[in-house]
Amino acid sequence: MRRLLRVDFHCHTDFSPDGLISPASLLERLERTGLDRVAITDHDTIQGALAVKALATERVIVGEEIQTQKGELLAYYVQEEIPGGLPVEEVIRLLRQQDAFISVSHPFDPHRSGWSEADLRKLAPQVDAIEVYNARCLRANHNRRAEEFARQNQIAAMAGSDAHTPAEIGGVVVHLPHFEDAEGLRQALRQARIESRLSPFWVHFGSTFAALRHKVRRTP
């Protein structure tokens, strides 16, 4: 039998406005943690994912964290970038057109584009998974509520570190059978096991520093 893959499904590079991870530092961290794959899910862009995938084709899933008018969605196996700020129904339509895998980011975290429960219930039949564990949630009950929601609505569980700094990569690992595309991921998640820990609160200072640095670089 083939061993299970070890995957972190939520990482940001410095192509995100609050990210500090360069493609080179991400690859170095992959070697150190022994991850088999990583999903690059930068905010409203796939350019960082494409840059890293060019260096490590087999180990990178091209993803995107998309800001809709209701909350954030995570998408995997994205072929065409989706702009932020669109209605959630339009984002889902565009993702389905390219057969992307659709999940919901940190759904019950009110500090980071948290979804209302009413909107989540409407959304549930249209997505493939719910992120039940996000290492950057400041309170563990936000993840517990997501896990309970996924169980009640019979939706697959997704998890990720939400890394914005190199040290966070691999803080959450999903162990699951091999897969090569969105449909394969849907099947593999049925047998997934999540290994997780919350990141320390100070990692958010890294994001703040990154946002300020990006802002300074954009200033004429």
C-alpha atoms as a PDB file:
ATOM      1  CA  MET A   1       0.000   0.000   0.000  1.00  0.00           C
ATOM      2  CA  ARG A   2       1.152   3.545  -0.747  1.00  0.00           C
ATOM      3  CA  ARG A   3       1.738   5.656   2.315  1.00  0.00           C
ATOM      4  CA  LEU A   4      -0.562   8.595   2.974  1.00  0.00           C
ATOM      5  CA  LEU A   5       0.335  12.044   1.710  1.00  0.00           C
ATOM      6  CA  ARG A   6       1.129  14.833   4.196  1.00  0.00           C
ATOM      7  CA  VAL A   7      -0.397  18.101   2.992  1.00  0.00           C
ATOM      8  CA  ASP A   8      -0.807  21.644   4.323  1.00  0.00           C
ATOM      9  CA  PHE A   9      -3.839  23.023   2.492  1.00  0.00           C
ATOM     10  CA  HIS A  10      -3.602  26.719   3.389  1.00  0.00           C
ATOM     11  CA  CYS A  11      -0.383  28.713   2.857  1.00  0.00           C
ATOM     12  CA  HIS A  12       0.353  32.239   1.654  1.00  0.00           C
ATOM     13  CA  THR A  13       3.429  33.570  -0.117  1.00  0.00           C
ATOM     14  CA  ASP A  14       4.672  37.136  -0.366  1.00  0.00           C
ATOM     15  CA  PHE A  15       2.311  37.529  -3.330  1.00  0.00           C
ATOM     16  CA  SER A  16      -0.336  38.039  -0.626  1.00  0.00           C
ATOM     17  CA  PRO A  17      -0.367  41.594   0.761  1.00  0.00           C
ATOM     18  CA  ASP A  18       0.200  40.220   4.273  1.00  0.00           C
ATOM     19  CA  GLY A  19       2.564  37.351   3.447  1.00  0.00           C
ATOM     20  CA  LEU A  20       6.276  36.979   4.249  1.00  0.00           C
ATOM     21  CA  ILE A  21       7.026  33.659   2.523  1.00  0.00           C
ATOM     22  CA  SER A  22       9.189  33.795  -0.601  1.00  0.00           C
ATOM     23  CA  PRO A  23       9.086  30.866  -3.053  1.00  0.00           C
ATOM     24  CA  ALA A  24      12.623  29.873  -2.002  1.00  0.00           C
ATOM     25  CA  SER A  25      11.841  29.931   1.734  1.00  0.00           C
ATOM     26  CA  LEU A  26       8.667  27.924   1.137  1.00  0.00           C
ATOM     27  CA  LEU A  27      10.573  25.173  -0.659  1.00  0.00           C
ATOM     28  CA  GLU A  28      13.188  25.126   2.096  1.00  0.00           C
ATOM     29  CA  ARG A  29      10.437  24.751   4.688  1.00  0.00           C
ATOM     30  CA  LEU A  30       8.849  21.908   2.729  1.00  0.00           C
ATOM     31  CA  GLU A  31      12.107  19.989   2.919  1.00  0.00           C
ATOM     32  CA  ARG A  32      12.463  20.662   6.625  1.00  0.00           C
ATOM     33  CA  THR A  33       8.909  19.586   7.513  1.00  0.00           C
ATOM     34  CA  GLY A  34       8.757  16.630   5.140  1.00  0.00           C
ATOM     35  CA  LEU A  35       5.464  17.739   3.626  1.00  0.00           C
ATOM     36  CA  ASP A  36       4.586  15.983   0.391  1.00  0.00           C
ATOM     37  CA  ARG A  37       2.450  18.809  -0.928  1.00  0.00           C
ATOM     38  CA  VAL A  38       1.343  22.311  -0.102  1.00  0.00           C
ATOM     39  CA  ALA A  39      -1.577  24.355  -1.377  1.00  0.00           C
ATOM     40  CA  ILE A  40      -0.647  27.964  -2.128  1.00  0.00           C
ATOM     41  CA  THR A  41      -3.755  30.033  -1.440  1.00  0.00           C
ATOM     42  CA  ASP A  42      -2.786  33.685  -1.781  1.00  0.00           C
ATOM     43  CA  HIS A  43      -5.409  36.386  -1.414  1.00  0.00           C
ATOM     44  CA  ASP A  44      -7.231  36.954  -4.720  1.00  0.00           C
ATOM     45  CA  THR A  45      -4.306  35.802  -6.882  1.00  0.00           C
ATOM     46  CA  ILE A  46      -2.726  32.590  -8.171  1.00  0.00           C
ATOM     47  CA  GLN A  47       0.544  34.239  -9.224  1.00  0.00           C
ATOM     48  CA  GLY A  48       2.446  33.105  -6.116  1.00  0.00           C
ATOM     49  CA  ALA A  49       1.186  29.551  -6.549  1.00  0.00           C
ATOM     50  CA  LEU A  50       2.290  29.506 -10.169  1.00  0.00           C
ATOM     51  CA  ALA A  51       5.720  30.877  -9.224  1.00  0.00           C
ATOM     52  CA  VAL A  52       6.296  28.124  -6.653  1.00  0.00           C
ATOM     53  CA  LYS A  53       4.823  25.417  -8.868  1.00  0.00           C
ATOM     54  CA  ALA A  54       7.353  26.325 -11.569  1.00  0.00           C
ATOM     55  CA  LEU A  55      10.053  25.344  -9.062  1.00  0.00           C
ATOM     56  CA  ALA A  56       8.378  22.241  -7.599  1.00  0.00           C
ATOM     57  CA  THR A  57       5.716  21.015 -10.007  1.00  0.00           C
ATOM     58  CA  GLU A  58       4.658  17.854  -8.192  1.00  0.00           C
ATOM     59  CA  ARG A  59       4.461  19.342  -4.704  1.00  0.00           C
ATOM     60  CA  VAL A  60       2.325  22.438  -5.257  1.00  0.00           C
ATOM     61  CA  ILE A  61      -1.450  22.723  -5.552  1.00  0.00           C
ATOM     62  CA  VAL A  62      -2.471  25.972  -7.236  1.00  0.00           C
ATOM     63  CA  GLY A  63      -5.082  27.538  -5.004  1.00  0.00           C
ATOM     64  CA  GLU A  64      -6.554  30.905  -4.115  1.00  0.00           C
ATOM     65  CA  GLU A  65      -8.270  32.467  -1.108  1.00  0.00           C
ATOM     66  CA  ILE A  66     -11.022  34.591  -2.596  1.00  0.00           C
ATOM     67  CA  GLN A  67     -12.745  37.464  -0.826  1.00  0.00           C
ATOM     68  CA  THR A  68     -16.405  37.371  -1.826  1.00  0.00           C
ATOM     69  CA  GLN A  69     -19.059  39.877  -0.802  1.00  0.00           C
ATOM     70  CA  LYS A  70     -20.051  37.536   2.056  1.00  0.00           C
ATOM     71  CA  GLY A  71     -16.804  35.972   3.283  1.00  0.00           C
ATOM     72  CA  GLU A  72     -13.712  34.126   2.083  1.00  0.00           C
ATOM     73  CA  LEU A  73     -13.584  30.925   0.050  1.00  0.00           C
ATOM     74  CA  LEU A  74     -10.637  28.608  -0.498  1.00  0.00           C
ATOM     75  CA  ALA A  75     -10.251  27.064  -3.933  1.00  0.00           C
ATOM     76  CA  TYR A  76      -7.868  24.354  -5.124  1.00  0.00           C
ATOM     77  CA  TYR A  77      -6.814  23.340  -8.637  1.00  0.00           C
ATOM     78  CA  VAL A  78      -7.566  26.831  -9.873  1.00  0.00           C
ATOM     79  CA  GLN A  79      -6.781  27.354 -13.552  1.00  0.00           C
ATOM     80  CA  GLU A  80      -8.043  30.906 -13.980  1.00  0.00           C
ATOM     81  CA  GLU A  81      -7.644  33.543 -11.275  1.00  0.00           C
ATOM     82  CA  ILE A  82     -10.853  34.825  -9.662  1.00  0.00           C
ATOM     83  CA  PRO A  83     -10.912  38.523  -8.668  1.00  0.00           C
ATOM     84  CA  GLY A  84     -11.959  39.496  -5.169  1.00  0.00           C
ATOM     85  CA  GLY A  85     -15.133  41.373  -4.344  1.00  0.00           C
ATOM     86  CA  LEU A  86     -17.600  39.379  -6.449  1.00  0.00           C
ATOM     87  CA  PRO A  87     -20.907  37.949  -5.187  1.00  0.00           C
ATOM     88  CA  VAL A  88     -20.376  34.510  -3.698  1.00  0.00           C
ATOM     89  CA  GLU A  89     -22.737  32.926  -6.228  1.00  0.00           C
ATOM     90  CA  GLU A  90     -20.630  34.306  -9.089  1.00  0.00           C
ATOM     91  CA  VAL A  91     -17.393  33.068  -7.525  1.00  0.00           C
ATOM     92  CA  ILE A  92     -18.802  29.558  -7.134  1.00  0.00           C
ATOM     93  CA  ARG A  93     -20.054  29.590 -10.734  1.00  0.00           C
ATOM     94  CA  LEU A  94     -16.624  30.607 -12.038  1.00  0.00           C
ATOM     95  CA  LEU A  95     -14.881  27.967  -9.935  1.00  0.00           C
ATOM     96  CA  ARG A  96     -17.261  25.222 -11.017  1.00  0.00           C
ATOM     97  CA  GLN A  97     -16.590  26.125 -14.650  1.00  0.00           C
ATOM     98  CA  GLN A  98     -12.950  25.149 -14.127  1.00  0.00           C
ATOM     99  CA  ASP A  99     -13.767  22.156 -11.898  1.00  0.00           C
ATOM    100  CA  ALA A 100     -11.967  23.623  -8.911  1.00  0.00           C
ATOM    101  CA  PHE A 101     -12.370  22.222  -5.405  1.00  0.00           C
ATOM    102  CA  ILE A 102     -14.234  24.713  -3.172  1.00  0.00           C
ATOM    103  CA  SER A 103     -13.879  25.079   0.588  1.00  0.00           C
ATOM    104  CA  VAL A 104     -14.795  27.776   3.128  1.00  0.00           C
ATOM    105  CA  SER A 105     -12.054  29.641   5.014  1.00  0.00           C
ATOM    106  CA  HIS A 106     -12.147  29.862   8.849  1.00  0.00           C
ATOM    107  CA  PRO A 107     -15.958  30.141   8.717  1.00  0.00           C
ATOM    108  CA  PHE A 108     -16.642  31.071  12.341  1.00  0.00           C
ATOM    109  CA  ASP A 109     -13.703  33.406  12.991  1.00  0.00           C
ATOM    110  CA  PRO A 110     -15.295  36.875  13.342  1.00  0.00           C
ATOM    111  CA  HIS A 111     -11.892  38.572  13.139  1.00  0.00           C
ATOM    112  CA  ARG A 112     -11.226  37.358   9.595  1.00  0.00           C
ATOM    113  CA  SER A 113     -14.189  37.662   7.244  1.00  0.00           C
ATOM    114  CA  GLY A 114     -16.335  35.359   9.326  1.00  0.00           C
ATOM    115  CA  TRP A 115     -19.489  34.045   7.677  1.00  0.00           C
ATOM    116  CA  SER A 116     -22.919  34.349   9.228  1.00  0.00           C
ATOM    117  CA  GLU A 117     -24.412  30.973  10.051  1.00  0.00           C
ATOM    118  CA  ALA A 118     -27.426  31.746   7.863  1.00  0.00           C
ATOM    119  CA  ASP A 119     -25.176  32.364   4.854  1.00  0.00           C
ATOM    120  CA  LEU A 120     -23.179  29.229   5.605  1.00  0.00           C
ATOM    121  CA  ARG A 121     -26.313  27.102   5.606  1.00  0.00           C
ATOM    122  CA  LYS A 122     -27.240  28.447   2.175  1.00  0.00           C
ATOM    123  CA  LEU A 123     -23.682  27.850   0.989  1.00  0.00           C
ATOM    124  CA  ALA A 124     -23.253  24.330   2.373  1.00  0.00           C
ATOM    125  CA  PRO A 125     -24.791  22.394  -0.568  1.00  0.00           C
ATOM    126  CA  GLN A 126     -22.595  24.307  -3.029  1.00  0.00           C
ATOM    127  CA  VAL A 127     -19.134  23.637  -1.566  1.00  0.00           C
ATOM    128  CA  ASP A 128     -16.923  20.558  -1.270  1.00  0.00           C
ATOM    129  CA  ALA A 129     -15.570  21.148   2.235  1.00  0.00           C
ATOM    130  CA  ILE A 130     -15.446  23.359   5.315  1.00  0.00           C
ATOM    131  CA  GLU A 131     -12.157  24.404   6.916  1.00  0.00           C
ATOM    132  CA  VAL A 132     -12.693  22.882  10.349  1.00  0.00           C
ATOM    133  CA  TYR A 133      -9.203  23.667  11.623  1.00  0.00           C
ATOM    134  CA  ASN A 134      -7.284  26.850  10.911  1.00  0.00           C
ATOM    135  CA  ALA A 135      -4.122  27.305  12.976  1.00  0.00           C
ATOM    136  CA  ARG A 136      -4.461  31.091  13.009  1.00  0.00           C
ATOM    137  CA  CYS A 137      -7.784  31.144  14.850  1.00  0.00           C
ATOM    138  CA  LEU A 138      -7.144  32.924  18.127  1.00  0.00           C
ATOM    139  CA  ARG A 139      -9.838  30.939  19.918  1.00  0.00           C
ATOM    140  CA  ALA A 140     -10.151  27.180  19.686  1.00  0.00           C
ATOM    141  CA  ASN A 141     -13.949  27.329  19.821  1.00  0.00           C
ATOM    142  CA  HIS A 142     -14.008  28.939  16.351  1.00  0.00           C
ATOM    143  CA  ASN A 143     -12.562  25.713  14.964  1.00  0.00           C
ATOM    144  CA  ARG A 144     -14.851  23.558  17.123  1.00  0.00           C
ATOM    145  CA  ARG A 145     -17.907  25.373  15.764  1.00  0.00           C
ATOM    146  CA  ALA A 146     -16.693  24.788  12.201  1.00  0.00           C
ATOM    147  CA  GLU A 147     -16.133  21.096  12.912  1.00  0.00           C
ATOM    148  CA  GLU A 148     -19.614  20.742  14.378  1.00  0.00           C
ATOM    149  CA  PHE A 149     -21.159  22.591  11.422  1.00  0.00           C
ATOM    150  CA  ALA A 150     -19.397  20.307   8.949  1.00  0.00           C
ATOM    151  CA  ARG A 151     -20.552  17.213  10.849  1.00  0.00           C
ATOM    152  CA  GLN A 152     -24.165  18.398  11.096  1.00  0.00           C
ATOM    153  CA  ASN A 153     -24.290  19.237   7.400  1.00  0.00           C
ATOM    154  CA  GLN A 154     -22.297  16.182   6.260  1.00  0.00           C
ATOM    155  CA  ILE A 155     -19.600  18.243   4.558  1.00  0.00           C
ATOM    156  CA  ALA A 156     -15.999  17.087   4.202  1.00  0.00           C
ATOM    157  CA  ALA A 157     -13.477  18.535   6.656  1.00  0.00           C
ATOM    158  CA  MET A 158     -10.553  20.639   5.401  1.00  0.00           C
ATOM    159  CA  ALA A 159      -7.668  22.047   7.468  1.00  0.00           C
ATOM    160  CA  GLY A 160      -4.571  24.187   7.047  1.00  0.00           C
ATOM    161  CA  SER A 161      -1.985  26.265   8.828  1.00  0.00           C
ATOM    162  CA  ASP A 162      -2.949  29.513   7.052  1.00  0.00           C
ATOM    163  CA  ALA A 163       0.789  30.205   7.101  1.00  0.00           C
ATOM    164  CA  HIS A 164       1.933  33.752   6.352  1.00  0.00           C
ATOM    165  CA  THR A 165       5.454  33.240   7.734  1.00  0.00           C
ATOM    166  CA  PRO A 166       7.823  30.314   7.003  1.00  0.00           C
ATOM    167  CA  ALA A 167       7.760  28.890  10.530  1.00  0.00           C
ATOM    168  CA  GLU A 168       4.002  28.307  10.335  1.00  0.00           C
ATOM    169  CA  ILE A 169       4.150  25.962   7.333  1.00  0.00           C
ATOM    170  CA  GLY A 170       3.256  22.438   8.387  1.00  0.00           C
ATOM    171  CA  GLY A 171       1.608  23.534  11.621  1.00  0.00           C
ATOM    172  CA  VAL A 172      -1.444  21.704  10.349  1.00  0.00           C
ATOM    173  CA  VAL A 173      -1.045  18.515   8.316  1.00  0.00           C
ATOM    174  CA  VAL A 174      -3.781  16.539   6.595  1.00  0.00           C
ATOM    175  CA  HIS A 175      -2.896  12.864   6.081  1.00  0.00           C
ATOM    176  CA  LEU A 176      -4.830  11.400   3.155  1.00  0.00           C
ATOM    177  CA  PRO A 177      -4.540   8.994   0.198  1.00  0.00           C
ATOM    178  CA  HIS A 178      -2.927  10.075  -3.053  1.00  0.00           C
ATOM    179  CA  PHE A 179      -4.866  12.383  -5.362  1.00  0.00           C
ATOM    180  CA  GLU A 180      -4.004  14.273  -8.526  1.00  0.00           C
ATOM    181  CA  ASP A 181      -6.948  16.599  -9.182  1.00  0.00           C
ATOM    182  CA  ALA A 182     -10.059  18.136  -7.647  1.00  0.00           C
ATOM    183  CA  GLU A 183     -12.158  14.986  -7.993  1.00  0.00           C
ATOM    184  CA  GLY A 184      -9.363  12.897  -6.533  1.00  0.00           C
ATOM    185  CA  LEU A 185      -9.186  15.285  -3.579  1.00  0.00           C
ATOM    186  CA  ARG A 186     -12.932  14.946  -3.017  1.00  0.00           C
ATOM    187  CA  GLN A 187     -12.510  11.194  -2.775  1.00  0.00           C
ATOM    188  CA  ALA A 188      -9.321  11.278  -0.683  1.00  0.00           C
ATOM    189  CA  LEU A 189     -10.814  13.558   1.983  1.00  0.00           C
ATOM    190  CA  ARG A 190     -13.218  10.796   2.940  1.00  0.00           C
ATOM    191  CA  GLN A 191     -10.251   8.998   4.512  1.00  0.00           C
ATOM    192  CA  ALA A 192      -8.352  12.022   5.827  1.00  0.00           C
ATOM    193  CA  ARG A 193      -6.860  12.478   9.268  1.00  0.00           C
ATOM    194  CA  ILE A 194      -5.970  15.943  10.597  1.00  0.00           C
ATOM    195  CA  GLU A 195      -2.876  16.619  12.713  1.00  0.00           C
ATOM    196  CA  SER A 196      -3.102  20.133  14.130  1.00  0.00           C
ATOM    197  CA  ARG A 197      -1.926  22.750  16.574  1.00  0.00           C
ATOM    198  CA  LEU A 198      -2.790  26.407  17.000  1.00  0.00           C
ATOM    199  CA  SER A 199      -0.131  28.927  16.005  1.00  0.00           C
ATOM    200  CA  PRO A 200       1.122  31.298  18.740  1.00  0.00           C
ATOM    201  CA  PHE A 201      -0.569  34.705  18.765  1.00  0.00           C
ATOM    202  CA  TRP A 202       2.613  36.508  17.721  1.00  0.00           C
ATOM    203  CA  VAL A 203       2.443  35.167  14.157  1.00  0.00           C
ATOM    204  CA  HIS A 204      -0.168  37.852  13.492  1.00  0.00           C
ATOM    205  CA  PHE A 205       2.523  40.476  14.071  1.00  0.00           C
ATOM    206  CA  GLY A 206       4.351  38.988  11.088  1.00  0.00           C
ATOM    207  CA  SER A 207       1.299  39.591   8.907  1.00  0.00           C
ATOM    208  CA  THR A 208       1.048  43.167  10.133  1.00  0.00           C
ATOM    209  CA  PHE A 209       4.706  43.754   9.327  1.00  0.00           C
ATOM    210  CA  ALA A 210       4.244  42.218   5.880  1.00  0.00           C
ATOM    211  CA  ALA A 211       1.253  44.442   5.133  1.00  0.00           C
ATOM    212  CA  LEU A 212       3.220  47.539   6.133  1.00  0.00           C
ATOM    213  CA  ARG A 213       6.197  46.452   4.039  1.00  0.00           C
ATOM    214  CA  HIS A 214       4.040  45.884   0.972  1.00  0.00           C
ATOM    215  CA  LYS A 215       2.389  49.260   1.498  1.00  0.00           C
ATOM    216  CA  VAL A 216       5.757  51.029   1.696  1.00  0.00           C
ATOM    217  CA  ARG A 217       6.951  49.298  -1.471  1.00  0.00           C
ATOM    218  CA  ARG A 218       3.836  50.467  -3.331  1.00  0.00           C
ATOM    219  CA  THR A 219       4.256  54.065  -2.183  1.00  0.00           C
ATOM    220  CA  PRO A 220       5.905  56.235  -4.895  1.00  0.00           C
END
